[in-house]
Amino acid sequence: ELSLPPVKIHCSVLAEDAIKAAISDYKNRKAVDSQ
């Protein structure tokens, strides 16, 4: 179990969501460019 403070866990979750959003946005743009 992680012993990080709740704030750090929250930030890492936000960062993960941001990365996933950026990746999906990047893939969507690549798909649009190839059409």
C-alpha atoms as a PDB file:
ATOM      1  CA  GLU A   1       0.000   0.000   0.000  1.00  0.00           C
ATOM      2  CA  LEU A   2       1.285   3.470  -0.833  1.00  0.00           C
ATOM      3  CA  SER A   3       2.112   5.745   2.077  1.00  0.00           C
ATOM      4  CA  LEU A   4       1.735   8.974   0.127  1.00  0.00           C
ATOM      5  CA  PRO A   5      -0.317  11.863   1.468  1.00  0.00           C
ATOM      6  CA  PRO A   6      -3.791  12.152  -0.126  1.00  0.00           C
ATOM      7  CA  VAL A   7      -2.755  15.295  -1.992  1.00  0.00           C
ATOM      8  CA  LYS A   8       0.081  13.499  -3.785  1.00  0.00           C
ATOM      9  CA  ILE A   9      -2.192  10.608  -4.700  1.00  0.00           C
ATOM     10  CA  HIS A  10      -4.752  13.084  -6.029  1.00  0.00           C
ATOM     11  CA  CYS A  11      -2.098  14.868  -8.119  1.00  0.00           C
ATOM     12  CA  SER A  12      -0.812  11.604  -9.576  1.00  0.00           C
ATOM     13  CA  VAL A  13      -4.358  10.585 -10.504  1.00  0.00           C
ATOM     14  CA  LEU A  14      -4.926  13.955 -12.174  1.00  0.00           C
ATOM     15  CA  ALA A  15      -1.634  13.598 -14.044  1.00  0.00           C
ATOM     16  CA  GLU A  16      -2.616  10.129 -15.227  1.00  0.00           C
ATOM     17  CA  ASP A  17      -5.972  11.410 -16.480  1.00  0.00           C
ATOM     18  CA  ALA A  18      -4.238  14.294 -18.251  1.00  0.00           C
ATOM     19  CA  ILE A  19      -1.798  11.909 -19.937  1.00  0.00           C
ATOM     20  CA  LYS A  20      -4.617   9.615 -21.083  1.00  0.00           C
ATOM     21  CA  ALA A  21      -6.559  12.600 -22.416  1.00  0.00           C
ATOM     22  CA  ALA A  22      -3.486  13.891 -24.240  1.00  0.00           C
ATOM     23  CA  ILE A  23      -2.836  10.480 -25.797  1.00  0.00           C
ATOM     24  CA  SER A  24      -6.429  10.058 -26.972  1.00  0.00           C
ATOM     25  CA  ASP A  25      -6.436  13.612 -28.331  1.00  0.00           C
ATOM     26  CA  TYR A  26      -3.161  12.905 -30.170  1.00  0.00           C
ATOM     27  CA  LYS A  27      -4.575   9.702 -31.675  1.00  0.00           C
ATOM     28  CA  ASN A  28      -7.738  11.523 -32.752  1.00  0.00           C
ATOM     29  CA  ARG A  29      -5.680  14.209 -34.489  1.00  0.00           C
ATOM     30  CA  LYS A  30      -3.534  11.606 -36.247  1.00  0.00           C
ATOM     31  CA  ALA A  31      -6.683   9.834 -37.448  1.00  0.00           C
ATOM     32  CA  VAL A  32      -8.116  13.101 -38.778  1.00  0.00           C
ATOM     33  CA  ASP A  33      -4.835  13.967 -40.523  1.00  0.00           C
ATOM     34  CA  SER A  34      -4.694  10.600 -42.308  1.00  0.00           C
ATOM     35  CA  GLN A  35      -8.192  10.970 -43.781  1.00  0.00           C
END
